[in-house]
Amino acid sequence: VVCTLVAAFLHFFFLSSFCWVLTEAWQSYMAVTGRLRNRIIRKRFLCLGW
């Protein structure tokens, strides 16, 4: 039971870290290309990260 719980938490945090890195990379790309203008995009990034 404990092993399954630890595995589930590790899986969640690994995926969460990957999503945050993806979000940061996408935001950097949008800032460099000049397409980052909308606040709704930031809300979507937060939803994706978590």
C-alpha atoms as a PDB file:
ATOM      1  CA  VAL A   1       0.000   0.000   0.000  1.00  0.00           C
ATOM      2  CA  VAL A   2       2.773   2.426   0.939  1.00  0.00           C
ATOM      3  CA  CYS A   3       4.758   1.564  -2.175  1.00  0.00           C
ATOM      4  CA  THR A   4       1.738   2.232  -4.397  1.00  0.00           C
ATOM      5  CA  LEU A   5       1.110   5.555  -2.696  1.00  0.00           C
ATOM      6  CA  VAL A   6       4.729   6.647  -3.067  1.00  0.00           C
ATOM      7  CA  ALA A   7       4.723   5.566  -6.715  1.00  0.00           C
ATOM      8  CA  ALA A   8       1.555   7.569  -7.375  1.00  0.00           C
ATOM      9  CA  PHE A   9       3.036  10.702  -5.797  1.00  0.00           C
ATOM     10  CA  LEU A  10       6.290  10.314  -7.706  1.00  0.00           C
ATOM     11  CA  HIS A  11       4.390   9.879 -10.953  1.00  0.00           C
ATOM     12  CA  PHE A  12       2.264  12.959 -10.283  1.00  0.00           C
ATOM     13  CA  PHE A  13       5.244  15.157  -9.394  1.00  0.00           C
ATOM     14  CA  PHE A  14       7.252  13.952 -12.384  1.00  0.00           C
ATOM     15  CA  LEU A  15       4.408  14.784 -14.755  1.00  0.00           C
ATOM     16  CA  SER A  16       3.855  18.106 -13.020  1.00  0.00           C
ATOM     17  CA  SER A  17       7.532  19.021 -13.425  1.00  0.00           C
ATOM     18  CA  PHE A  18       7.419  18.074 -17.093  1.00  0.00           C
ATOM     19  CA  CYS A  19       4.320  20.220 -17.644  1.00  0.00           C
ATOM     20  CA  TRP A  20       5.938  23.220 -15.917  1.00  0.00           C
ATOM     21  CA  VAL A  21       9.039  22.907 -18.109  1.00  0.00           C
ATOM     22  CA  LEU A  22       6.822  22.648 -21.183  1.00  0.00           C
ATOM     23  CA  THR A  23       4.908  25.730 -20.057  1.00  0.00           C
ATOM     24  CA  GLU A  24       8.087  27.742 -19.466  1.00  0.00           C
ATOM     25  CA  ALA A  25       9.499  26.741 -22.848  1.00  0.00           C
ATOM     26  CA  TRP A  26       6.269  27.694 -24.621  1.00  0.00           C
ATOM     27  CA  GLN A  27       6.095  31.025 -22.815  1.00  0.00           C
ATOM     28  CA  SER A  28       9.714  31.780 -23.755  1.00  0.00           C
ATOM     29  CA  TYR A  29       8.970  30.931 -27.375  1.00  0.00           C
ATOM     30  CA  MET A  30       5.903  33.172 -27.393  1.00  0.00           C
ATOM     31  CA  ALA A  31       7.860  36.029 -25.795  1.00  0.00           C
ATOM     32  CA  VAL A  32      10.662  35.766 -28.368  1.00  0.00           C
ATOM     33  CA  THR A  33       8.283  35.656 -31.317  1.00  0.00           C
ATOM     34  CA  GLY A  34       6.177  38.496 -29.894  1.00  0.00           C
ATOM     35  CA  ARG A  35       2.898  36.593 -29.720  1.00  0.00           C
ATOM     36  CA  LEU A  36       2.396  36.681 -25.956  1.00  0.00           C
ATOM     37  CA  ARG A  37      -0.291  39.326 -25.459  1.00  0.00           C
ATOM     38  CA  ASN A  38      -3.216  37.708 -23.735  1.00  0.00           C
ATOM     39  CA  ARG A  39      -3.809  37.061 -20.024  1.00  0.00           C
ATOM     40  CA  ILE A  40      -6.015  34.077 -20.833  1.00  0.00           C
ATOM     41  CA  ILE A  41      -2.918  32.274 -22.082  1.00  0.00           C
ATOM     42  CA  ARG A  42      -1.306  32.647 -18.650  1.00  0.00           C
ATOM     43  CA  LYS A  43      -4.363  31.116 -16.995  1.00  0.00           C
ATOM     44  CA  ARG A  44      -4.164  28.190 -19.393  1.00  0.00           C
ATOM     45  CA  PHE A  45      -0.470  27.786 -18.575  1.00  0.00           C
ATOM     46  CA  LEU A  46      -1.295  27.593 -14.874  1.00  0.00           C
ATOM     47  CA  CYS A  47      -3.970  24.976 -15.510  1.00  0.00           C
ATOM     48  CA  LEU A  48      -1.573  22.950 -17.638  1.00  0.00           C
ATOM     49  CA  GLY A  49       1.194  23.148 -15.052  1.00  0.00           C
ATOM     50  CA  TRP A  50      -0.927  21.679 -12.299  1.00  0.00           C
END
